[in-house]
């Protein structure tokens, strides 16, 4: 389990968590990432990105902005990748 928190008192305006490297997926071995998140009254965006090991760029695969306030939310993302990857 990983936990990340940003507050208005912190000097940094962004933070990132990275997973371990996952092996490629196929029809029998899909990857699902399930996470809980709380978007407070602060403005900002929570994003989930996918970086394949063969590429330098991170592709945004999910995001939410601060319109959901003061409650826990849950989301599950299914990932398909023919290359090793990190989320």
PDB file of N, CA and C in Angstrom:
ATOM      1  N   UNK A   1       0.833  -1.180   0.000  1.00  0.00           N
ATOM      2  CA  UNK A   1       0.000   0.000   0.000  1.00  0.00           C
ATOM      3  C   UNK A   1       0.874   1.238   0.000  1.00  0.00           C
ATOM      4  N   UNK A   2       0.482   2.230  -0.750  1.00  0.00           N
ATOM      5  CA  UNK A   2       1.194   3.496  -0.840  1.00  0.00           C
ATOM      6  C   UNK A   2       0.265   4.611  -0.397  1.00  0.00           C
ATOM      7  N   UNK A   3       0.839   5.671   0.153  1.00  0.00           N
ATOM      8  CA  UNK A   3       0.049   6.804   0.601  1.00  0.00           C
ATOM      9  C   UNK A   3       0.783   8.080   0.211  1.00  0.00           C
ATOM     10  N   UNK A   4       0.049   9.037  -0.316  1.00  0.00           N
ATOM     11  CA  UNK A   4       0.622  10.319  -0.705  1.00  0.00           C
ATOM     12  C   UNK A   4      -0.344  11.409  -0.303  1.00  0.00           C
ATOM     13  N   UNK A   5       0.169  12.481   0.316  1.00  0.00           N
ATOM     14  CA  UNK A   5      -0.680  13.577   0.742  1.00  0.00           C
ATOM     15  C   UNK A   5      -0.013  14.892   0.400  1.00  0.00           C
ATOM     16  N   UNK A   6      -0.776  15.815  -0.181  1.00  0.00           N
ATOM     17  CA  UNK A   6      -0.317  17.186  -0.428  1.00  0.00           C
ATOM     18  C   UNK A   6      -1.248  18.125   0.308  1.00  0.00           C
ATOM     19  N   UNK A   7      -0.689  19.114   0.962  1.00  0.00           N
ATOM     20  CA  UNK A   7      -1.520  20.099   1.641  1.00  0.00           C
ATOM     21  C   UNK A   7      -1.066  21.492   1.248  1.00  0.00           C
ATOM     22  N   UNK A   8      -1.886  22.488   1.549  1.00  0.00           N
ATOM     23  CA  UNK A   8      -1.566  23.861   1.173  1.00  0.00           C
ATOM     24  C   UNK A   8      -0.343  24.380   1.920  1.00  0.00           C
ATOM     25  N   UNK A   9       0.031  23.743   3.040  1.00  0.00           N
ATOM     26  CA  UNK A   9       1.205  24.194   3.781  1.00  0.00           C
ATOM     27  C   UNK A   9       2.510  23.727   3.147  1.00  0.00           C
ATOM     28  N   UNK A  10       2.437  22.744   2.257  1.00  0.00           N
ATOM     29  CA  UNK A  10       3.654  22.213   1.650  1.00  0.00           C
ATOM     30  C   UNK A  10       4.163  23.154   0.570  1.00  0.00           C
ATOM     31  N   UNK A  11       5.484  23.238   0.439  1.00  0.00           N
ATOM     32  CA  UNK A  11       6.069  24.135  -0.552  1.00  0.00           C
ATOM     33  C   UNK A  11       5.955  23.553  -1.956  1.00  0.00           C
ATOM     34  N   UNK A  12       5.983  22.244  -2.078  1.00  0.00           N
ATOM     35  CA  UNK A  12       5.886  21.617  -3.392  1.00  0.00           C
ATOM     36  C   UNK A  12       4.437  21.612  -3.865  1.00  0.00           C
ATOM     37  N   UNK A  13       4.237  21.872  -5.139  1.00  0.00           N
ATOM     38  CA  UNK A  13       2.879  21.885  -5.678  1.00  0.00           C
ATOM     39  C   UNK A  13       2.546  20.582  -6.387  1.00  0.00           C
ATOM     40  N   UNK A  14       3.483  19.638  -6.419  1.00  0.00           N
ATOM     41  CA  UNK A  14       3.193  18.359  -7.059  1.00  0.00           C
ATOM     42  C   UNK A  14       4.008  17.255  -6.392  1.00  0.00           C
ATOM     43  N   UNK A  15       3.541  16.039  -6.592  1.00  0.00           N
ATOM     44  CA  UNK A  15       4.229  14.868  -6.062  1.00  0.00           C
ATOM     45  C   UNK A  15       3.884  13.689  -6.954  1.00  0.00           C
ATOM     46  N   UNK A  16       4.703  12.641  -6.899  1.00  0.00           N
ATOM     47  CA  UNK A  16       4.459  11.482  -7.756  1.00  0.00           C
ATOM     48  C   UNK A  16       4.790  10.197  -7.005  1.00  0.00           C
ATOM     49  N   UNK A  17       3.988   9.177  -7.259  1.00  0.00           N
ATOM     50  CA  UNK A  17       4.251   7.814  -6.819  1.00  0.00           C
ATOM     51  C   UNK A  17       4.469   6.974  -8.069  1.00  0.00           C
ATOM     52  N   UNK A  18       5.451   6.077  -8.036  1.00  0.00           N
ATOM     53  CA  UNK A  18       5.687   5.175  -9.168  1.00  0.00           C
ATOM     54  C   UNK A  18       5.616   3.737  -8.673  1.00  0.00           C
ATOM     55  N   UNK A  19       5.007   2.881  -9.482  1.00  0.00           N
ATOM     56  CA  UNK A  19       4.931   1.468  -9.135  1.00  0.00           C
ATOM     57  C   UNK A  19       6.250   0.783  -9.485  1.00  0.00           C
ATOM     58  N   UNK A  20       6.347  -0.479  -9.104  1.00  0.00           N
ATOM     59  CA  UNK A  20       7.418  -1.326  -9.606  1.00  0.00           C
ATOM     60  C   UNK A  20       7.193  -1.553 -11.097  1.00  0.00           C
ATOM     61  N   UNK A  21       8.164  -2.159 -11.746  1.00  0.00           N
ATOM     62  CA  UNK A  21       8.019  -2.484 -13.168  1.00  0.00           C
ATOM     63  C   UNK A  21       7.153  -3.731 -13.305  1.00  0.00           C
ATOM     64  N   UNK A  22       6.105  -3.623 -14.133  1.00  0.00           N
ATOM     65  CA  UNK A  22       5.230  -4.753 -14.414  1.00  0.00           C
ATOM     66  C   UNK A  22       5.584  -5.361 -15.764  1.00  0.00           C
ATOM     67  N   UNK A  23       5.358  -6.671 -15.881  1.00  0.00           N
ATOM     68  CA  UNK A  23       5.609  -7.363 -17.144  1.00  0.00           C
ATOM     69  C   UNK A  23       4.493  -7.077 -18.135  1.00  0.00           C
ATOM     70  N   UNK A  24       4.726  -7.311 -19.427  1.00  0.00           N
ATOM     71  CA  UNK A  24       3.665  -7.089 -20.417  1.00  0.00           C
ATOM     72  C   UNK A  24       2.416  -7.895 -20.091  1.00  0.00           C
ATOM     73  N   UNK A  25       1.272  -7.372 -20.503  1.00  0.00           N
ATOM     74  CA  UNK A  25       0.005  -8.059 -20.294  1.00  0.00           C
ATOM     75  C   UNK A  25      -0.388  -8.810 -21.561  1.00  0.00           C
ATOM     76  N   UNK A  26      -1.283  -9.765 -21.403  1.00  0.00           N
ATOM     77  CA  UNK A  26      -1.863 -10.442 -22.558  1.00  0.00           C
ATOM     78  C   UNK A  26      -3.330 -10.723 -22.227  1.00  0.00           C
ATOM     79  N   UNK A  27      -4.022 -11.467 -23.073  1.00  0.00           N
ATOM     80  CA  UNK A  27      -5.447 -11.699 -22.859  1.00  0.00           C
ATOM     81  C   UNK A  27      -5.730 -12.458 -21.570  1.00  0.00           C
ATOM     82  N   UNK A  28      -4.785 -13.263 -21.116  1.00  0.00           N
ATOM     83  CA  UNK A  28      -4.990 -14.052 -19.901  1.00  0.00           C
ATOM     84  C   UNK A  28      -4.502 -13.335 -18.647  1.00  0.00           C
ATOM     85  N   UNK A  29      -3.658 -12.333 -18.791  1.00  0.00           N
ATOM     86  CA  UNK A  29      -3.040 -11.678 -17.643  1.00  0.00           C
ATOM     87  C   UNK A  29      -3.180 -10.167 -17.742  1.00  0.00           C
ATOM     88  N   UNK A  30      -4.381  -9.671 -17.500  1.00  0.00           N
ATOM     89  CA  UNK A  30      -4.601  -8.232 -17.479  1.00  0.00           C
ATOM     90  C   UNK A  30      -4.156  -7.683 -16.132  1.00  0.00           C
ATOM     91  N   UNK A  31      -3.793  -6.418 -16.100  1.00  0.00           N
ATOM     92  CA  UNK A  31      -3.419  -5.754 -14.855  1.00  0.00           C
ATOM     93  C   UNK A  31      -4.508  -4.766 -14.478  1.00  0.00           C
ATOM     94  N   UNK A  32      -4.951  -4.825 -13.235  1.00  0.00           N
ATOM     95  CA  UNK A  32      -5.896  -3.836 -12.729  1.00  0.00           C
ATOM     96  C   UNK A  32      -5.276  -3.150 -11.520  1.00  0.00           C
ATOM     97  N   UNK A  33      -5.342  -1.835 -11.523  1.00  0.00           N
ATOM     98  CA  UNK A  33      -4.866  -1.043 -10.398  1.00  0.00           C
ATOM     99  C   UNK A  33      -6.072  -0.383  -9.767  1.00  0.00           C
ATOM    100  N   UNK A  34      -6.250  -0.620  -8.466  1.00  0.00           N
ATOM    101  CA  UNK A  34      -7.386  -0.061  -7.740  1.00  0.00           C
ATOM    102  C   UNK A  34      -6.837   0.894  -6.688  1.00  0.00           C
ATOM    103  N   UNK A  35      -7.422   2.081  -6.610  1.00  0.00           N
ATOM    104  CA  UNK A  35      -6.927   3.061  -5.652  1.00  0.00           C
ATOM    105  C   UNK A  35      -8.066   3.900  -5.092  1.00  0.00           C
ATOM    106  N   UNK A  36      -7.845   4.392  -3.871  1.00  0.00           N
ATOM    107  CA  UNK A  36      -8.766   5.296  -3.198  1.00  0.00           C
ATOM    108  C   UNK A  36      -8.149   6.688  -3.240  1.00  0.00           C
ATOM    109  N   UNK A  37      -8.974   7.696  -3.387  1.00  0.00           N
ATOM    110  CA  UNK A  37      -8.454   9.059  -3.399  1.00  0.00           C
ATOM    111  C   UNK A  37      -9.457  10.025  -2.785  1.00  0.00           C
ATOM    112  N   UNK A  38      -8.910  11.088  -2.253  1.00  0.00           N
ATOM    113  CA  UNK A  38      -9.701  12.143  -1.622  1.00  0.00           C
ATOM    114  C   UNK A  38      -9.265  13.446  -2.255  1.00  0.00           C
ATOM    115  N   UNK A  39     -10.166  14.135  -2.909  1.00  0.00           N
ATOM    116  CA  UNK A  39      -9.868  15.443  -3.491  1.00  0.00           C
ATOM    117  C   UNK A  39     -10.529  16.477  -2.589  1.00  0.00           C
ATOM    118  N   UNK A  40      -9.703  17.286  -1.939  1.00  0.00           N
ATOM    119  CA  UNK A  40     -10.250  18.251  -0.985  1.00  0.00           C
ATOM    120  C   UNK A  40     -10.663  19.529  -1.712  1.00  0.00           C
ATOM    121  N   UNK A  41     -10.874  20.582  -0.957  1.00  0.00           N
ATOM    122  CA  UNK A  41     -11.299  21.849  -1.543  1.00  0.00           C
ATOM    123  C   UNK A  41     -10.171  22.578  -2.264  1.00  0.00           C
ATOM    124  N   UNK A  42      -8.961  22.053  -2.186  1.00  0.00           N
ATOM    125  CA  UNK A  42      -7.857  22.647  -2.940  1.00  0.00           C
ATOM    126  C   UNK A  42      -8.069  22.427  -4.433  1.00  0.00           C
ATOM    127  N   UNK A  43      -7.619  23.368  -5.220  1.00  0.00           N
ATOM    128  CA  UNK A  43      -7.688  23.169  -6.667  1.00  0.00           C
ATOM    129  C   UNK A  43      -6.495  22.318  -7.097  1.00  0.00           C
ATOM    130  N   UNK A  44      -6.678  21.565  -8.135  1.00  0.00           N
ATOM    131  CA  UNK A  44      -5.603  20.716  -8.627  1.00  0.00           C
ATOM    132  C   UNK A  44      -6.157  19.534  -9.384  1.00  0.00           C
ATOM    133  N   UNK A  45      -5.250  18.703  -9.886  1.00  0.00           N
ATOM    134  CA  UNK A  45      -5.629  17.547 -10.678  1.00  0.00           C
ATOM    135  C   UNK A  45      -4.833  16.336 -10.217  1.00  0.00           C
ATOM    136  N   UNK A  46      -5.527  15.223 -10.059  1.00  0.00           N
ATOM    137  CA  UNK A  46      -4.899  13.944  -9.769  1.00  0.00           C
ATOM    138  C   UNK A  46      -4.862  13.164 -11.076  1.00  0.00           C
ATOM    139  N   UNK A  47      -3.672  12.697 -11.457  1.00  0.00           N
ATOM    140  CA  UNK A  47      -3.519  12.001 -12.728  1.00  0.00           C
ATOM    141  C   UNK A  47      -2.849  10.648 -12.527  1.00  0.00           C
ATOM    142  N   UNK A  48      -3.209   9.693 -13.370  1.00  0.00           N
ATOM    143  CA  UNK A  48      -2.544   8.397 -13.426  1.00  0.00           C
ATOM    144  C   UNK A  48      -1.921   8.288 -14.808  1.00  0.00           C
ATOM    145  N   UNK A  49      -0.636   7.992 -14.832  1.00  0.00           N
ATOM    146  CA  UNK A  49       0.081   7.902 -16.103  1.00  0.00           C
ATOM    147  C   UNK A  49       0.699   6.533 -16.286  1.00  0.00           C
ATOM    148  N   UNK A  50       0.942   6.184 -17.531  1.00  0.00           N
ATOM    149  CA  UNK A  50       1.547   4.903 -17.906  1.00  0.00           C
ATOM    150  C   UNK A  50       2.826   5.188 -18.674  1.00  0.00           C
ATOM    151  N   UNK A  51       3.947   4.603 -18.210  1.00  0.00           N
ATOM    152  CA  UNK A  51       5.208   4.745 -18.937  1.00  0.00           C
ATOM    153  C   UNK A  51       5.715   3.377 -19.326  1.00  0.00           C
ATOM    154  N   UNK A  52       5.751   3.131 -20.631  1.00  0.00           N
ATOM    155  CA  UNK A  52       6.294   1.876 -21.139  1.00  0.00           C
ATOM    156  C   UNK A  52       7.819   1.968 -21.118  1.00  0.00           C
ATOM    157  N   UNK A  53       8.476   0.839 -20.858  1.00  0.00           N
ATOM    158  CA  UNK A  53       9.925   0.859 -20.726  1.00  0.00           C
ATOM    159  C   UNK A  53      10.631   1.205 -22.023  1.00  0.00           C
ATOM    160  N   UNK A  54       9.955   1.046 -23.137  1.00  0.00           N
ATOM    161  CA  UNK A  54      10.571   1.363 -24.425  1.00  0.00           C
ATOM    162  C   UNK A  54      10.405   2.843 -24.785  1.00  0.00           C
ATOM    163  N   UNK A  55       9.701   3.627 -23.934  1.00  0.00           N
ATOM    164  CA  UNK A  55       9.417   5.028 -24.245  1.00  0.00           C
ATOM    165  C   UNK A  55       9.842   5.925 -23.087  1.00  0.00           C
ATOM    166  N   UNK A  56      10.159   7.178 -23.411  1.00  0.00           N
ATOM    167  CA  UNK A  56      10.538   8.144 -22.382  1.00  0.00           C
ATOM    168  C   UNK A  56       9.343   8.934 -21.866  1.00  0.00           C
ATOM    169  N   UNK A  57       8.243   8.929 -22.596  1.00  0.00           N
ATOM    170  CA  UNK A  57       7.101   9.762 -22.230  1.00  0.00           C
ATOM    171  C   UNK A  57       6.121   8.994 -21.329  1.00  0.00           C
ATOM    172  N   UNK A  58       5.393   9.754 -20.520  1.00  0.00           N
ATOM    173  CA  UNK A  58       4.342   9.204 -19.673  1.00  0.00           C
ATOM    174  C   UNK A  58       3.004   9.557 -20.317  1.00  0.00           C
ATOM    175  N   UNK A  59       2.162   8.562 -20.579  1.00  0.00           N
ATOM    176  CA  UNK A  59       0.853   8.769 -21.179  1.00  0.00           C
ATOM    177  C   UNK A  59      -0.196   8.866 -20.080  1.00  0.00           C
ATOM    178  N   UNK A  60      -0.971   9.932 -20.089  1.00  0.00           N
ATOM    179  CA  UNK A  60      -2.030  10.114 -19.100  1.00  0.00           C
ATOM    180  C   UNK A  60      -3.172   9.149 -19.431  1.00  0.00           C
ATOM    181  N   UNK A  61      -3.527   8.253 -18.478  1.00  0.00           N
ATOM    182  CA  UNK A  61      -4.588   7.283 -18.741  1.00  0.00           C
ATOM    183  C   UNK A  61      -5.831   7.526 -17.896  1.00  0.00           C
ATOM    184  N   UNK A  62      -5.750   8.465 -16.915  1.00  0.00           N
ATOM    185  CA  UNK A  62      -6.917   8.794 -16.089  1.00  0.00           C
ATOM    186  C   UNK A  62      -6.610  10.078 -15.341  1.00  0.00           C
ATOM    187  N   UNK A  63      -7.640  10.906 -15.110  1.00  0.00           N
ATOM    188  CA  UNK A  63      -7.439  12.089 -14.285  1.00  0.00           C
ATOM    189  C   UNK A  63      -8.759  12.571 -13.713  1.00  0.00           C
ATOM    190  N   UNK A  64      -8.669  13.317 -12.612  1.00  0.00           N
ATOM    191  CA  UNK A  64      -9.831  13.950 -12.002  1.00  0.00           C
ATOM    192  C   UNK A  64      -9.365  15.285 -11.437  1.00  0.00           C
ATOM    193  N   UNK A  65     -10.234  16.277 -11.507  1.00  0.00           N
ATOM    194  CA  UNK A  65      -9.933  17.588 -10.938  1.00  0.00           C
ATOM    195  C   UNK A  65     -10.708  17.783  -9.646  1.00  0.00           C
ATOM    196  N   UNK A  66     -10.564  18.939  -9.042  1.00  0.00           N
ATOM    197  CA  UNK A  66     -11.084  19.182  -7.709  1.00  0.00           C
ATOM    198  C   UNK A  66     -12.581  19.345  -7.585  1.00  0.00           C
ATOM    199  N   UNK A  67     -13.361  18.893  -8.557  1.00  0.00           N
ATOM    200  CA  UNK A  67     -14.802  19.079  -8.422  1.00  0.00           C
ATOM    201  C   UNK A  67     -15.437  18.102  -7.435  1.00  0.00           C
ATOM    202  N   UNK A  68     -14.792  16.998  -7.128  1.00  0.00           N
ATOM    203  CA  UNK A  68     -15.299  16.048  -6.132  1.00  0.00           C
ATOM    204  C   UNK A  68     -14.689  16.424  -4.797  1.00  0.00           C
ATOM    205  N   UNK A  69     -15.493  16.903  -3.870  1.00  0.00           N
ATOM    206  CA  UNK A  69     -14.942  17.495  -2.656  1.00  0.00           C
ATOM    207  C   UNK A  69     -15.311  16.709  -1.396  1.00  0.00           C
ATOM    208  N   UNK A  70     -14.323  16.613  -0.526  1.00  0.00           N
ATOM    209  CA  UNK A  70     -14.502  16.122   0.836  1.00  0.00           C
ATOM    210  C   UNK A  70     -15.191  14.771   0.935  1.00  0.00           C
ATOM    211  N   UNK A  71     -14.743  13.835   0.124  1.00  0.00           N
ATOM    212  CA  UNK A  71     -15.225  12.463   0.265  1.00  0.00           C
ATOM    213  C   UNK A  71     -14.203  11.522  -0.372  1.00  0.00           C
ATOM    214  N   UNK A  72     -14.173  10.293   0.135  1.00  0.00           N
ATOM    215  CA  UNK A  72     -13.316   9.278  -0.459  1.00  0.00           C
ATOM    216  C   UNK A  72     -13.983   8.744  -1.720  1.00  0.00           C
ATOM    217  N   UNK A  73     -13.175   8.515  -2.724  1.00  0.00           N
ATOM    218  CA  UNK A  73     -13.626   7.921  -3.977  1.00  0.00           C
ATOM    219  C   UNK A  73     -12.728   6.730  -4.276  1.00  0.00           C
ATOM    220  N   UNK A  74     -13.211   5.839  -5.109  1.00  0.00           N
ATOM    221  CA  UNK A  74     -12.444   4.658  -5.487  1.00  0.00           C
ATOM    222  C   UNK A  74     -12.490   4.511  -6.996  1.00  0.00           C
ATOM    223  N   UNK A  75     -11.393   4.030  -7.561  1.00  0.00           N
ATOM    224  CA  UNK A  75     -11.360   3.820  -9.001  1.00  0.00           C
ATOM    225  C   UNK A  75     -10.500   2.603  -9.321  1.00  0.00           C
ATOM    226  N   UNK A  76     -10.841   1.899 -10.380  1.00  0.00           N
ATOM    227  CA  UNK A  76     -10.065   0.769 -10.876  1.00  0.00           C
ATOM    228  C   UNK A  76      -9.732   1.019 -12.338  1.00  0.00           C
ATOM    229  N   UNK A  77      -8.470   0.860 -12.681  1.00  0.00           N
ATOM    230  CA  UNK A  77      -8.015   1.053 -14.060  1.00  0.00           C
ATOM    231  C   UNK A  77      -7.476  -0.274 -14.573  1.00  0.00           C
ATOM    232  N   UNK A  78      -7.912  -0.687 -15.752  1.00  0.00           N
ATOM    233  CA  UNK A  78      -7.389  -1.885 -16.406  1.00  0.00           C
ATOM    234  C   UNK A  78      -6.321  -1.466 -17.411  1.00  0.00           C
ATOM    235  N   UNK A  79      -5.180  -2.126 -17.355  1.00  0.00           N
ATOM    236  CA  UNK A  79      -4.048  -1.744 -18.198  1.00  0.00           C
ATOM    237  C   UNK A  79      -3.693  -2.882 -19.138  1.00  0.00           C
ATOM    238  N   UNK A  80      -3.499  -2.531 -20.400  1.00  0.00           N
ATOM    239  CA  UNK A  80      -2.994  -3.454 -21.414  1.00  0.00           C
ATOM    240  C   UNK A  80      -1.713  -2.854 -21.977  1.00  0.00           C
ATOM    241  N   UNK A  81      -0.644  -3.616 -21.965  1.00  0.00           N
ATOM    242  CA  UNK A  81       0.617  -3.138 -22.510  1.00  0.00           C
ATOM    243  C   UNK A  81       1.421  -4.314 -23.048  1.00  0.00           C
ATOM    244  N   UNK A  82       1.944  -4.172 -24.230  1.00  0.00           N
ATOM    245  CA  UNK A  82       2.778  -5.227 -24.821  1.00  0.00           C
ATOM    246  C   UNK A  82       4.222  -5.104 -24.401  1.00  0.00           C
ATOM    247  N   UNK A  83       4.558  -4.063 -23.633  1.00  0.00           N
ATOM    248  CA  UNK A  83       5.922  -3.833 -23.137  1.00  0.00           C
ATOM    249  C   UNK A  83       5.898  -3.797 -21.611  1.00  0.00           C
ATOM    250  N   UNK A  84       7.058  -3.955 -20.981  1.00  0.00           N
ATOM    251  CA  UNK A  84       7.157  -3.712 -19.546  1.00  0.00           C
ATOM    252  C   UNK A  84       6.748  -2.271 -19.281  1.00  0.00           C
ATOM    253  N   UNK A  85       6.153  -2.021 -18.108  1.00  0.00           N
ATOM    254  CA  UNK A  85       5.648  -0.666 -17.851  1.00  0.00           C
ATOM    255  C   UNK A  85       5.619  -0.341 -16.369  1.00  0.00           C
ATOM    256  N   UNK A  86       5.499   0.950 -16.088  1.00  0.00           N
ATOM    257  CA  UNK A  86       5.282   1.470 -14.736  1.00  0.00           C
ATOM    258  C   UNK A  86       4.048   2.357 -14.776  1.00  0.00           C
ATOM    259  N   UNK A  87       3.386   2.486 -13.625  1.00  0.00           N
ATOM    260  CA  UNK A  87       2.218   3.356 -13.527  1.00  0.00           C
ATOM    261  C   UNK A  87       2.541   4.444 -12.520  1.00  0.00           C
TER     262      UNK A  87
END
